[in-house]
Amino acid sequence: MKILIADTMHSSLFDMLHAKGWAFDYQPQYRRDDIRAALPAYDGLIIRSKTFLDKEMLMQADRLRFIARAGAGLDLIDLDFAAASNIAVFHAGAGNRDAVAEHTVGMLLTLFNNIIKADREVRSGIWDREGNRGVEVMNKTVGIIGYGNNGSATARRLSGFGCTVLAYDKYRDHYGDAFASACTMEEIMQKADVLSLHIPLTDETRYLIDDAFIAAVQKPFYLLNQSRGEIVSLEAVVNGLKSGKLLGACLDVLENEKITKLSPAQQDAFDYLRSSDRVVLTPHIAGWTHESYVRINEVLVDQIANWLNSFLRQS
């Protein structure tokens, strides 16, 4: 088996692949045309997020048997074409779930306790206690949309804060557990004080959070997005903050993360968000820890090994 690694990866991956006896070429500098030209010579491809693996990229890769994405989301892969071509697809959702959960809670506590604002003021010589009075997570109702690896890991941590956690997942059954109660989307929209998104980007979820969605939530609420930027309309977030329906937002992802190339409307929304003390922004780093960098590789290699063993048994 021969594998192409076409993105920057933690060096721990190489020892893991060597231990399995799998041959690989590490070409992190490859771009779209390079990958497309090289793929026919490989059985497997490992990549992060720089290239869209669409039909055009994959149709000539007759030898390719699997794609392994070092991350959770699969929106950059044409899953229908991969399935039709008998190309297995792996992702490392379990590899960074703890990091995502910790980041989510960290952003929420930062927002609730005015930590960024207070830190900035103290550094400027302003000692304003009353203006930075915080909000407690205790007794809040947190609605989690998407109860997979990241959503469930987040619920586990939030449950320790004495809040009520409600979870909705359209694609799972019987997913309630000790940390969250399974419920409908309607229940979350009626009861949530905090709404946290842990869902993939699909045609169905693209701009799920828009003006209409925010208006339909019964109470003023806080919004957290650690999933994909295009699930949330930034213009709708701005409108919600201005109206008071949104009390605050924690955004690790943006609908356009090339922040030097925003459209005029996106720029207006971004300028409002970055100037607001009710918004916490991070550069898509939920899940981006030193530990998860290694754990993602472990998860991917285990999946590939299990798939290969099954493949060989069937051959």
C-alpha atoms as a PDB file:
ATOM      1  CA  MET A   1       0.000   0.000   0.000  1.00  0.00           C
ATOM      2  CA  LYS A   2       1.296   3.420  -0.971  1.00  0.00           C
ATOM      3  CA  ILE A   3      -0.010   6.645   0.582  1.00  0.00           C
ATOM      4  CA  LEU A   4       0.299  10.269  -0.494  1.00  0.00           C
ATOM      5  CA  ILE A   5       0.374  12.817   2.349  1.00  0.00           C
ATOM      6  CA  ALA A   6      -0.454  16.109   0.658  1.00  0.00           C
ATOM      7  CA  ASP A   7      -0.696  18.472   3.597  1.00  0.00           C
ATOM      8  CA  THR A   8       1.352  19.527   6.611  1.00  0.00           C
ATOM      9  CA  MET A   9       1.122  16.839   9.297  1.00  0.00           C
ATOM     10  CA  HIS A  10       2.578  16.304  12.746  1.00  0.00           C
ATOM     11  CA  SER A  11       5.734  14.199  12.571  1.00  0.00           C
ATOM     12  CA  SER A  12       4.198  11.549  14.842  1.00  0.00           C
ATOM     13  CA  LEU A  13       2.266  10.304  11.823  1.00  0.00           C
ATOM     14  CA  PHE A  14       5.411   9.129  10.074  1.00  0.00           C
ATOM     15  CA  ASP A  15       6.468   6.796  12.886  1.00  0.00           C
ATOM     16  CA  MET A  16       2.944   5.375  13.016  1.00  0.00           C
ATOM     17  CA  LEU A  17       2.957   4.649   9.289  1.00  0.00           C
ATOM     18  CA  HIS A  18       6.444   3.144   9.449  1.00  0.00           C
ATOM     19  CA  ALA A  19       5.320   0.881  12.287  1.00  0.00           C
ATOM     20  CA  LYS A  20       2.518  -0.450  10.078  1.00  0.00           C
ATOM     21  CA  GLY A  21       4.910  -1.041   7.200  1.00  0.00           C
ATOM     22  CA  TRP A  22       3.056   1.307   4.878  1.00  0.00           C
ATOM     23  CA  ALA A  23       4.960   3.235   2.228  1.00  0.00           C
ATOM     24  CA  PHE A  24       4.213   6.941   1.947  1.00  0.00           C
ATOM     25  CA  ASP A  25       5.345  10.119   0.249  1.00  0.00           C
ATOM     26  CA  TYR A  26       5.173  13.329   2.256  1.00  0.00           C
ATOM     27  CA  GLN A  27       4.479  16.226  -0.109  1.00  0.00           C
ATOM     28  CA  PRO A  28       2.966  19.057   1.964  1.00  0.00           C
ATOM     29  CA  GLN A  29       3.843  21.591  -0.731  1.00  0.00           C
ATOM     30  CA  TYR A  30       1.549  19.953  -3.281  1.00  0.00           C
ATOM     31  CA  ARG A  31      -1.296  22.072  -4.597  1.00  0.00           C
ATOM     32  CA  ARG A  32      -4.428  21.040  -6.456  1.00  0.00           C
ATOM     33  CA  ASP A  33      -2.830  20.286  -9.814  1.00  0.00           C
ATOM     34  CA  ASP A  34       0.057  18.414  -8.173  1.00  0.00           C
ATOM     35  CA  ILE A  35      -2.313  16.218  -6.170  1.00  0.00           C
ATOM     36  CA  ARG A  36      -4.492  15.468  -9.165  1.00  0.00           C
ATOM     37  CA  ALA A  37      -1.473  14.462 -11.253  1.00  0.00           C
ATOM     38  CA  ALA A  38      -0.017  12.268  -8.509  1.00  0.00           C
ATOM     39  CA  LEU A  39      -3.144  10.456  -7.278  1.00  0.00           C
ATOM     40  CA  PRO A  40      -3.241   7.672  -9.913  1.00  0.00           C
ATOM     41  CA  ALA A  41      -0.073   6.223  -8.349  1.00  0.00           C
ATOM     42  CA  TYR A  42      -1.458   5.914  -4.806  1.00  0.00           C
ATOM     43  CA  ASP A  43      -3.777   3.686  -2.811  1.00  0.00           C
ATOM     44  CA  GLY A  44      -4.431   6.264  -0.105  1.00  0.00           C
ATOM     45  CA  LEU A  45      -4.477  10.013   0.406  1.00  0.00           C
ATOM     46  CA  ILE A  46      -4.051  11.858   3.705  1.00  0.00           C
ATOM     47  CA  ILE A  47      -4.945  15.543   3.727  1.00  0.00           C
ATOM     48  CA  ARG A  48      -6.115  18.313   6.028  1.00  0.00           C
ATOM     49  CA  SER A  49      -8.224  21.081   4.506  1.00  0.00           C
ATOM     50  CA  LYS A  50      -6.453  22.967   1.754  1.00  0.00           C
ATOM     51  CA  THR A  51      -7.933  21.176  -1.298  1.00  0.00           C
ATOM     52  CA  PHE A  52     -11.473  20.357  -2.401  1.00  0.00           C
ATOM     53  CA  LEU A  53     -11.515  16.709  -3.438  1.00  0.00           C
ATOM     54  CA  ASP A  54     -14.277  16.878  -6.026  1.00  0.00           C
ATOM     55  CA  LYS A  55     -15.126  14.627  -8.958  1.00  0.00           C
ATOM     56  CA  GLU A  56     -12.562  16.328 -11.173  1.00  0.00           C
ATOM     57  CA  MET A  57      -9.832  15.548  -8.646  1.00  0.00           C
ATOM     58  CA  LEU A  58     -10.841  11.943  -8.049  1.00  0.00           C
ATOM     59  CA  MET A  59     -12.108  10.615 -11.380  1.00  0.00           C
ATOM     60  CA  GLN A  60      -8.645   9.665 -12.683  1.00  0.00           C
ATOM     61  CA  ALA A  61      -7.492   8.138  -9.385  1.00  0.00           C
ATOM     62  CA  ASP A  62      -8.321   4.552 -10.362  1.00  0.00           C
ATOM     63  CA  ARG A  63      -5.979   3.067  -7.757  1.00  0.00           C
ATOM     64  CA  LEU A  64      -7.189   5.200  -4.838  1.00  0.00           C
ATOM     65  CA  ARG A  65      -8.901   3.155  -2.123  1.00  0.00           C
ATOM     66  CA  PHE A  66      -9.172   5.622   0.763  1.00  0.00           C
ATOM     67  CA  ILE A  67      -9.038   9.276   1.766  1.00  0.00           C
ATOM     68  CA  ALA A  68      -8.142  10.145   5.348  1.00  0.00           C
ATOM     69  CA  ARG A  69      -8.875  13.676   6.540  1.00  0.00           C
ATOM     70  CA  ALA A  70      -6.907  14.902   9.537  1.00  0.00           C
ATOM     71  CA  GLY A  71      -9.856  16.724  11.044  1.00  0.00           C
ATOM     72  CA  ALA A  72     -13.558  16.330  11.717  1.00  0.00           C
ATOM     73  CA  GLY A  73     -15.412  17.934   8.795  1.00  0.00           C
ATOM     74  CA  LEU A  74     -15.841  16.249   5.428  1.00  0.00           C
ATOM     75  CA  ASP A  75     -17.391  19.120   3.480  1.00  0.00           C
ATOM     76  CA  LEU A  76     -14.296  19.388   1.239  1.00  0.00           C
ATOM     77  CA  ILE A  77     -14.763  15.847  -0.093  1.00  0.00           C
ATOM     78  CA  ASP A  78     -17.319  14.762  -2.706  1.00  0.00           C
ATOM     79  CA  LEU A  79     -18.671  11.934  -0.588  1.00  0.00           C
ATOM     80  CA  ASP A  80     -21.172  10.767  -3.207  1.00  0.00           C
ATOM     81  CA  PHE A  81     -18.491  10.359  -5.859  1.00  0.00           C
ATOM     82  CA  ALA A  82     -16.144   8.699  -3.384  1.00  0.00           C
ATOM     83  CA  ALA A  83     -18.836   6.180  -2.428  1.00  0.00           C
ATOM     84  CA  ALA A  84     -19.674   5.480  -6.067  1.00  0.00           C
ATOM     85  CA  SER A  85     -15.975   4.885  -6.722  1.00  0.00           C
ATOM     86  CA  ASN A  86     -15.559   2.571  -3.711  1.00  0.00           C
ATOM     87  CA  ILE A  87     -13.196   5.008  -2.033  1.00  0.00           C
ATOM     88  CA  ALA A  88     -13.403   4.754   1.749  1.00  0.00           C
ATOM     89  CA  VAL A  89     -13.375   8.067   3.619  1.00  0.00           C
ATOM     90  CA  PHE A  90     -12.054   8.486   7.156  1.00  0.00           C
ATOM     91  CA  HIS A  91     -12.002  11.485   9.456  1.00  0.00           C
ATOM     92  CA  ALA A  92     -10.633  12.136  12.910  1.00  0.00           C
ATOM     93  CA  GLY A  93     -13.641  13.508  14.740  1.00  0.00           C
ATOM     94  CA  ALA A  94     -12.691  11.582  17.864  1.00  0.00           C
ATOM     95  CA  GLY A  95      -9.166  12.980  17.716  1.00  0.00           C
ATOM     96  CA  ASN A  96      -9.960  16.571  18.610  1.00  0.00           C
ATOM     97  CA  ARG A  97     -13.278  16.289  20.468  1.00  0.00           C
ATOM     98  CA  ASP A  98     -11.748  17.009  23.872  1.00  0.00           C
ATOM     99  CA  ALA A  99      -9.920  20.044  22.543  1.00  0.00           C
ATOM    100  CA  VAL A 100     -13.105  21.360  20.891  1.00  0.00           C
ATOM    101  CA  ALA A 101     -15.102  20.825  24.086  1.00  0.00           C
ATOM    102  CA  GLU A 102     -12.550  22.634  26.238  1.00  0.00           C
ATOM    103  CA  HIS A 103     -12.328  25.504  23.770  1.00  0.00           C
ATOM    104  CA  THR A 104     -16.109  25.836  23.672  1.00  0.00           C
ATOM    105  CA  VAL A 105     -16.357  26.059  27.451  1.00  0.00           C
ATOM    106  CA  GLY A 106     -13.387  28.418  27.551  1.00  0.00           C
ATOM    107  CA  MET A 107     -14.996  30.807  25.076  1.00  0.00           C
ATOM    108  CA  LEU A 108     -18.296  30.721  26.962  1.00  0.00           C
ATOM    109  CA  LEU A 109     -16.628  31.516  30.297  1.00  0.00           C
ATOM    110  CA  THR A 110     -14.599  34.257  28.645  1.00  0.00           C
ATOM    111  CA  LEU A 111     -17.763  35.847  27.281  1.00  0.00           C
ATOM    112  CA  PHE A 112     -19.817  35.450  30.463  1.00  0.00           C
ATOM    113  CA  ASN A 113     -17.096  36.951  32.651  1.00  0.00           C
ATOM    114  CA  ASN A 114     -15.995  39.801  30.351  1.00  0.00           C
ATOM    115  CA  ILE A 115     -12.445  38.491  30.517  1.00  0.00           C
ATOM    116  CA  ILE A 116     -11.203  40.035  27.264  1.00  0.00           C
ATOM    117  CA  LYS A 117     -12.793  43.416  27.987  1.00  0.00           C
ATOM    118  CA  ALA A 118     -11.600  43.453  31.604  1.00  0.00           C
ATOM    119  CA  ASP A 119      -8.066  42.429  30.660  1.00  0.00           C
ATOM    120  CA  ARG A 120      -7.875  45.156  28.031  1.00  0.00           C
ATOM    121  CA  GLU A 121      -9.155  47.763  30.499  1.00  0.00           C
ATOM    122  CA  VAL A 122      -6.796  46.810  33.320  1.00  0.00           C
ATOM    123  CA  ARG A 123      -3.847  46.981  30.924  1.00  0.00           C
ATOM    124  CA  SER A 124      -5.020  50.504  30.075  1.00  0.00           C
ATOM    125  CA  GLY A 125      -5.198  51.531  33.721  1.00  0.00           C
ATOM    126  CA  ILE A 126      -8.984  51.181  34.078  1.00  0.00           C
ATOM    127  CA  TRP A 127     -10.225  49.382  37.204  1.00  0.00           C
ATOM    128  CA  ASP A 128     -13.958  48.906  36.541  1.00  0.00           C
ATOM    129  CA  ARG A 129     -15.485  46.143  38.653  1.00  0.00           C
ATOM    130  CA  GLU A 130     -19.167  46.952  38.183  1.00  0.00           C
ATOM    131  CA  GLY A 131     -18.832  47.370  34.420  1.00  0.00           C
ATOM    132  CA  ASN A 132     -17.404  43.863  34.226  1.00  0.00           C
ATOM    133  CA  ARG A 133     -19.874  42.068  36.471  1.00  0.00           C
ATOM    134  CA  GLY A 134     -20.226  38.557  35.054  1.00  0.00           C
ATOM    135  CA  VAL A 135     -22.905  35.979  34.334  1.00  0.00           C
ATOM    136  CA  GLU A 136     -22.827  32.438  35.755  1.00  0.00           C
ATOM    137  CA  VAL A 137     -23.196  29.275  33.710  1.00  0.00           C
ATOM    138  CA  MET A 138     -24.896  27.651  36.704  1.00  0.00           C
ATOM    139  CA  ASN A 139     -28.611  26.988  36.105  1.00  0.00           C
ATOM    140  CA  LYS A 140     -28.470  28.034  32.436  1.00  0.00           C
ATOM    141  CA  THR A 141     -30.083  25.809  29.816  1.00  0.00           C
ATOM    142  CA  VAL A 142     -27.613  24.982  27.050  1.00  0.00           C
ATOM    143  CA  GLY A 143     -28.902  23.606  23.765  1.00  0.00           C
ATOM    144  CA  ILE A 144     -26.430  21.550  21.733  1.00  0.00           C
ATOM    145  CA  ILE A 145     -27.237  20.997  18.071  1.00  0.00           C
ATOM    146  CA  GLY A 146     -25.300  17.993  16.819  1.00  0.00           C
ATOM    147  CA  TYR A 147     -24.538  15.282  19.359  1.00  0.00           C
ATOM    148  CA  GLY A 148     -21.596  13.488  17.854  1.00  0.00           C
ATOM    149  CA  ASN A 149     -18.011  13.512  19.073  1.00  0.00           C
ATOM    150  CA  ASN A 150     -17.741  17.240  19.724  1.00  0.00           C
ATOM    151  CA  GLY A 151     -21.271  17.843  20.946  1.00  0.00           C
ATOM    152  CA  SER A 152     -21.207  14.995  23.438  1.00  0.00           C
ATOM    153  CA  ALA A 153     -17.740  15.933  24.739  1.00  0.00           C
ATOM    154  CA  THR A 154     -18.968  19.502  25.249  1.00  0.00           C
ATOM    155  CA  ALA A 155     -22.057  18.295  27.113  1.00  0.00           C
ATOM    156  CA  ARG A 156     -19.893  16.188  29.415  1.00  0.00           C
ATOM    157  CA  ARG A 157     -17.967  19.275  30.481  1.00  0.00           C
ATOM    158  CA  LEU A 158     -20.949  21.596  30.729  1.00  0.00           C
ATOM    159  CA  SER A 159     -22.818  19.136  32.928  1.00  0.00           C
ATOM    160  CA  GLY A 160     -20.252  19.793  35.635  1.00  0.00           C
ATOM    161  CA  PHE A 161     -21.240  23.459  35.770  1.00  0.00           C
ATOM    162  CA  GLY A 162     -24.718  22.736  37.072  1.00  0.00           C
ATOM    163  CA  CYS A 163     -26.533  23.690  33.906  1.00  0.00           C
ATOM    164  CA  THR A 164     -29.245  21.813  32.043  1.00  0.00           C
ATOM    165  CA  VAL A 165     -28.000  20.448  28.722  1.00  0.00           C
ATOM    166  CA  LEU A 166     -30.442  19.648  25.921  1.00  0.00           C
ATOM    167  CA  ALA A 167     -29.229  17.924  22.756  1.00  0.00           C
ATOM    168  CA  TYR A 168     -30.693  17.571  19.290  1.00  0.00           C
ATOM    169  CA  ASP A 169     -29.262  15.391  16.533  1.00  0.00           C
ATOM    170  CA  LYS A 170     -31.317  14.736  13.424  1.00  0.00           C
ATOM    171  CA  TYR A 171     -29.244  11.724  12.413  1.00  0.00           C
ATOM    172  CA  ARG A 172     -29.123   9.791  15.690  1.00  0.00           C
ATOM    173  CA  ASP A 173     -31.597   7.853  17.807  1.00  0.00           C
ATOM    174  CA  HIS A 174     -31.513   7.203  21.552  1.00  0.00           C
ATOM    175  CA  TYR A 175     -28.580   9.553  22.109  1.00  0.00           C
ATOM    176  CA  GLY A 176     -29.608  11.001  25.472  1.00  0.00           C
ATOM    177  CA  ASP A 177     -27.126  10.184  28.229  1.00  0.00           C
ATOM    178  CA  ALA A 178     -26.018  11.223  31.696  1.00  0.00           C
ATOM    179  CA  PHE A 179     -24.800  14.576  30.385  1.00  0.00           C
ATOM    180  CA  ALA A 180     -27.616  15.715  28.085  1.00  0.00           C
ATOM    181  CA  SER A 181     -31.290  15.025  27.459  1.00  0.00           C
ATOM    182  CA  ALA A 182     -32.303  14.261  23.905  1.00  0.00           C
ATOM    183  CA  CYS A 183     -34.977  16.651  22.675  1.00  0.00           C
ATOM    184  CA  THR A 184     -36.418  18.257  19.566  1.00  0.00           C
ATOM    185  CA  MET A 185     -35.143  21.363  17.854  1.00  0.00           C
ATOM    186  CA  GLU A 186     -38.368  23.068  18.893  1.00  0.00           C
ATOM    187  CA  GLU A 187     -37.656  22.351  22.562  1.00  0.00           C
ATOM    188  CA  ILE A 188     -34.178  23.822  22.275  1.00  0.00           C
ATOM    189  CA  MET A 189     -35.568  26.935  20.617  1.00  0.00           C
ATOM    190  CA  GLN A 190     -38.103  27.302  23.423  1.00  0.00           C
ATOM    191  CA  LYS A 191     -35.794  26.722  26.390  1.00  0.00           C
ATOM    192  CA  ALA A 192     -32.161  27.479  25.537  1.00  0.00           C
ATOM    193  CA  ASP A 193     -30.229  30.312  27.143  1.00  0.00           C
ATOM    194  CA  VAL A 194     -27.137  29.218  25.213  1.00  0.00           C
ATOM    195  CA  LEU A 195     -27.039  27.562  21.787  1.00  0.00           C
ATOM    196  CA  SER A 196     -23.897  25.629  20.763  1.00  0.00           C
ATOM    197  CA  LEU A 197     -23.412  24.289  17.229  1.00  0.00           C
ATOM    198  CA  HIS A 198     -21.572  21.019  16.550  1.00  0.00           C
ATOM    199  CA  ILE A 199     -22.839  20.016  13.114  1.00  0.00           C
ATOM    200  CA  PRO A 200     -21.217  19.465   9.715  1.00  0.00           C
ATOM    201  CA  LEU A 201     -21.620  21.861   6.812  1.00  0.00           C
ATOM    202  CA  THR A 202     -24.106  20.449   4.311  1.00  0.00           C
ATOM    203  CA  ASP A 203     -26.634  21.898   1.894  1.00  0.00           C
ATOM    204  CA  GLU A 204     -29.167  21.496   4.698  1.00  0.00           C
ATOM    205  CA  THR A 205     -27.143  23.289   7.390  1.00  0.00           C
ATOM    206  CA  ARG A 206     -25.670  26.081   5.271  1.00  0.00           C
ATOM    207  CA  TYR A 207     -26.874  29.334   6.865  1.00  0.00           C
ATOM    208  CA  LEU A 208     -29.088  27.428   9.267  1.00  0.00           C
ATOM    209  CA  ILE A 209     -28.645  30.322  11.687  1.00  0.00           C
ATOM    210  CA  ASP A 210     -30.191  33.257   9.885  1.00  0.00           C
ATOM    211  CA  ASP A 211     -32.511  36.109  10.827  1.00  0.00           C
ATOM    212  CA  ALA A 212     -35.563  33.839  10.836  1.00  0.00           C
ATOM    213  CA  PHE A 213     -33.913  31.233  13.075  1.00  0.00           C
ATOM    214  CA  ILE A 214     -32.740  33.827  15.594  1.00  0.00           C
ATOM    215  CA  ALA A 215     -36.189  35.422  15.669  1.00  0.00           C
ATOM    216  CA  ALA A 216     -37.800  32.016  16.268  1.00  0.00           C
ATOM    217  CA  VAL A 217     -35.761  31.324  19.426  1.00  0.00           C
ATOM    218  CA  GLN A 218     -38.069  32.163  22.306  1.00  0.00           C
ATOM    219  CA  LYS A 219     -35.628  33.845  24.708  1.00  0.00           C
ATOM    220  CA  PRO A 220     -32.676  36.163  24.203  1.00  0.00           C
ATOM    221  CA  PHE A 221     -29.694  33.798  23.993  1.00  0.00           C
ATOM    222  CA  TYR A 222     -25.969  33.357  23.525  1.00  0.00           C
ATOM    223  CA  LEU A 223     -24.662  31.691  20.351  1.00  0.00           C
ATOM    224  CA  LEU A 224     -21.545  29.499  20.093  1.00  0.00           C
ATOM    225  CA  ASN A 225     -20.235  28.198  16.773  1.00  0.00           C
ATOM    226  CA  GLN A 226     -17.251  25.830  16.728  1.00  0.00           C
ATOM    227  CA  SER A 227     -18.382  23.873  13.668  1.00  0.00           C
ATOM    228  CA  ARG A 228     -18.306  25.555  10.245  1.00  0.00           C
ATOM    229  CA  GLY A 229     -18.534  29.257   9.516  1.00  0.00           C
ATOM    230  CA  GLU A 230     -21.075  29.025   6.720  1.00  0.00           C
ATOM    231  CA  ILE A 231     -23.643  27.546   9.090  1.00  0.00           C
ATOM    232  CA  VAL A 232     -24.088  31.012  10.610  1.00  0.00           C
ATOM    233  CA  SER A 233     -24.910  34.217   8.767  1.00  0.00           C
ATOM    234  CA  LEU A 234     -22.707  36.914  10.262  1.00  0.00           C
ATOM    235  CA  GLU A 235     -25.167  39.559   9.112  1.00  0.00           C
ATOM    236  CA  ALA A 236     -27.863  37.761  11.115  1.00  0.00           C
ATOM    237  CA  VAL A 237     -25.562  37.677  14.163  1.00  0.00           C
ATOM    238  CA  VAL A 238     -25.048  41.425  13.878  1.00  0.00           C
ATOM    239  CA  ASN A 239     -28.784  42.001  13.525  1.00  0.00           C
ATOM    240  CA  GLY A 240     -29.431  39.801  16.540  1.00  0.00           C
ATOM    241  CA  LEU A 241     -26.886  41.647  18.665  1.00  0.00           C
ATOM    242  CA  LYS A 242     -28.325  45.007  17.656  1.00  0.00           C
ATOM    243  CA  SER A 243     -31.883  43.940  18.437  1.00  0.00           C
ATOM    244  CA  GLY A 244     -30.931  42.344  21.748  1.00  0.00           C
ATOM    245  CA  LYS A 245     -32.168  38.904  20.731  1.00  0.00           C
ATOM    246  CA  LEU A 246     -28.570  37.736  20.796  1.00  0.00           C
ATOM    247  CA  LEU A 247     -26.935  38.498  24.118  1.00  0.00           C
ATOM    248  CA  GLY A 248     -23.498  37.525  22.855  1.00  0.00           C
ATOM    249  CA  ALA A 249     -21.620  35.256  20.482  1.00  0.00           C
ATOM    250  CA  CYS A 250     -18.531  33.028  20.569  1.00  0.00           C
ATOM    251  CA  LEU A 251     -17.318  32.356  17.039  1.00  0.00           C
ATOM    252  CA  ASP A 252     -14.330  30.165  16.312  1.00  0.00           C
ATOM    253  CA  VAL A 253     -15.271  30.050  12.625  1.00  0.00           C
ATOM    254  CA  LEU A 254     -16.499  32.647  10.141  1.00  0.00           C
ATOM    255  CA  GLU A 255     -18.471  32.307   6.915  1.00  0.00           C
ATOM    256  CA  ASN A 256     -15.412  33.671   5.111  1.00  0.00           C
ATOM    257  CA  GLU A 257     -12.161  32.974   6.944  1.00  0.00           C
ATOM    258  CA  LYS A 258     -10.050  34.817   4.383  1.00  0.00           C
ATOM    259  CA  ILE A 259     -10.513  37.982   6.398  1.00  0.00           C
ATOM    260  CA  THR A 260      -8.415  40.085   4.048  1.00  0.00           C
ATOM    261  CA  LYS A 261     -10.760  39.189   1.171  1.00  0.00           C
ATOM    262  CA  LEU A 262     -14.223  39.852   2.555  1.00  0.00           C
ATOM    263  CA  SER A 263     -17.107  41.119   0.479  1.00  0.00           C
ATOM    264  CA  PRO A 264     -18.373  44.600   1.424  1.00  0.00           C
ATOM    265  CA  ALA A 265     -21.305  43.081   3.345  1.00  0.00           C
ATOM    266  CA  GLN A 266     -19.026  40.593   5.113  1.00  0.00           C
ATOM    267  CA  GLN A 267     -16.604  43.387   5.978  1.00  0.00           C
ATOM    268  CA  ASP A 268     -19.375  45.467   7.533  1.00  0.00           C
ATOM    269  CA  ALA A 269     -20.502  42.518   9.637  1.00  0.00           C
ATOM    270  CA  PHE A 270     -16.953  41.626  10.656  1.00  0.00           C
ATOM    271  CA  ASP A 271     -16.155  45.214  11.639  1.00  0.00           C
ATOM    272  CA  TYR A 272     -19.172  45.262  13.947  1.00  0.00           C
ATOM    273  CA  LEU A 273     -18.324  41.899  15.508  1.00  0.00           C
ATOM    274  CA  ARG A 274     -14.672  42.671  16.161  1.00  0.00           C
ATOM    275  CA  SER A 275     -15.553  45.944  17.856  1.00  0.00           C
ATOM    276  CA  SER A 276     -18.186  44.410  20.140  1.00  0.00           C
ATOM    277  CA  ASP A 277     -17.467  43.478  23.757  1.00  0.00           C
ATOM    278  CA  ARG A 278     -20.265  40.903  23.461  1.00  0.00           C
ATOM    279  CA  VAL A 279     -18.357  38.831  20.918  1.00  0.00           C
ATOM    280  CA  VAL A 280     -15.403  36.471  21.377  1.00  0.00           C
ATOM    281  CA  LEU A 281     -13.522  35.525  18.213  1.00  0.00           C
ATOM    282  CA  THR A 282     -10.815  32.901  17.627  1.00  0.00           C
ATOM    283  CA  PRO A 283      -9.172  31.826  14.322  1.00  0.00           C
ATOM    284  CA  HIS A 284     -10.624  28.317  13.846  1.00  0.00           C
ATOM    285  CA  ILE A 285      -8.533  26.848  16.642  1.00  0.00           C
ATOM    286  CA  ALA A 286     -11.114  24.867  18.596  1.00  0.00           C
ATOM    287  CA  GLY A 287      -9.598  21.412  18.444  1.00  0.00           C
ATOM    288  CA  TRP A 288      -6.178  22.856  17.547  1.00  0.00           C
ATOM    289  CA  THR A 289      -4.056  21.721  20.486  1.00  0.00           C
ATOM    290  CA  HIS A 290      -0.660  20.060  20.750  1.00  0.00           C
ATOM    291  CA  GLU A 291      -2.353  16.944  22.113  1.00  0.00           C
ATOM    292  CA  SER A 292      -5.028  16.749  19.414  1.00  0.00           C
ATOM    293  CA  TYR A 293      -2.381  17.123  16.706  1.00  0.00           C
ATOM    294  CA  VAL A 294      -0.998  13.723  17.749  1.00  0.00           C
ATOM    295  CA  ARG A 295      -4.335  12.137  18.669  1.00  0.00           C
ATOM    296  CA  ILE A 296      -5.780  12.894  15.226  1.00  0.00           C
ATOM    297  CA  ASN A 297      -2.979  10.846  13.668  1.00  0.00           C
ATOM    298  CA  GLU A 298      -3.632   7.963  16.049  1.00  0.00           C
ATOM    299  CA  VAL A 299      -7.322   7.939  15.193  1.00  0.00           C
ATOM    300  CA  LEU A 300      -6.670   8.030  11.449  1.00  0.00           C
ATOM    301  CA  VAL A 301      -4.079   5.249  11.502  1.00  0.00           C
ATOM    302  CA  ASP A 302      -6.378   3.039  13.577  1.00  0.00           C
ATOM    303  CA  GLN A 303      -9.219   3.575  11.112  1.00  0.00           C
ATOM    304  CA  ILE A 304      -7.017   2.833   8.118  1.00  0.00           C
ATOM    305  CA  ALA A 305      -5.667  -0.320   9.795  1.00  0.00           C
ATOM    306  CA  ASN A 306      -9.165  -1.583  10.626  1.00  0.00           C
ATOM    307  CA  TRP A 307     -10.338  -0.886   7.091  1.00  0.00           C
ATOM    308  CA  LEU A 308      -7.310  -2.618   5.576  1.00  0.00           C
ATOM    309  CA  ASN A 309      -7.785  -5.710   7.733  1.00  0.00           C
ATOM    310  CA  SER A 310     -11.423  -5.904   6.675  1.00  0.00           C
ATOM    311  CA  PHE A 311     -10.493  -5.315   3.034  1.00  0.00           C
ATOM    312  CA  LEU A 312      -7.911  -8.095   3.090  1.00  0.00           C
ATOM    313  CA  ARG A 313     -10.335 -10.547   4.724  1.00  0.00           C
ATOM    314  CA  GLN A 314     -12.855  -9.895   1.983  1.00  0.00           C
ATOM    315  CA  SER A 315     -10.299 -10.221  -0.818  1.00  0.00           C
END
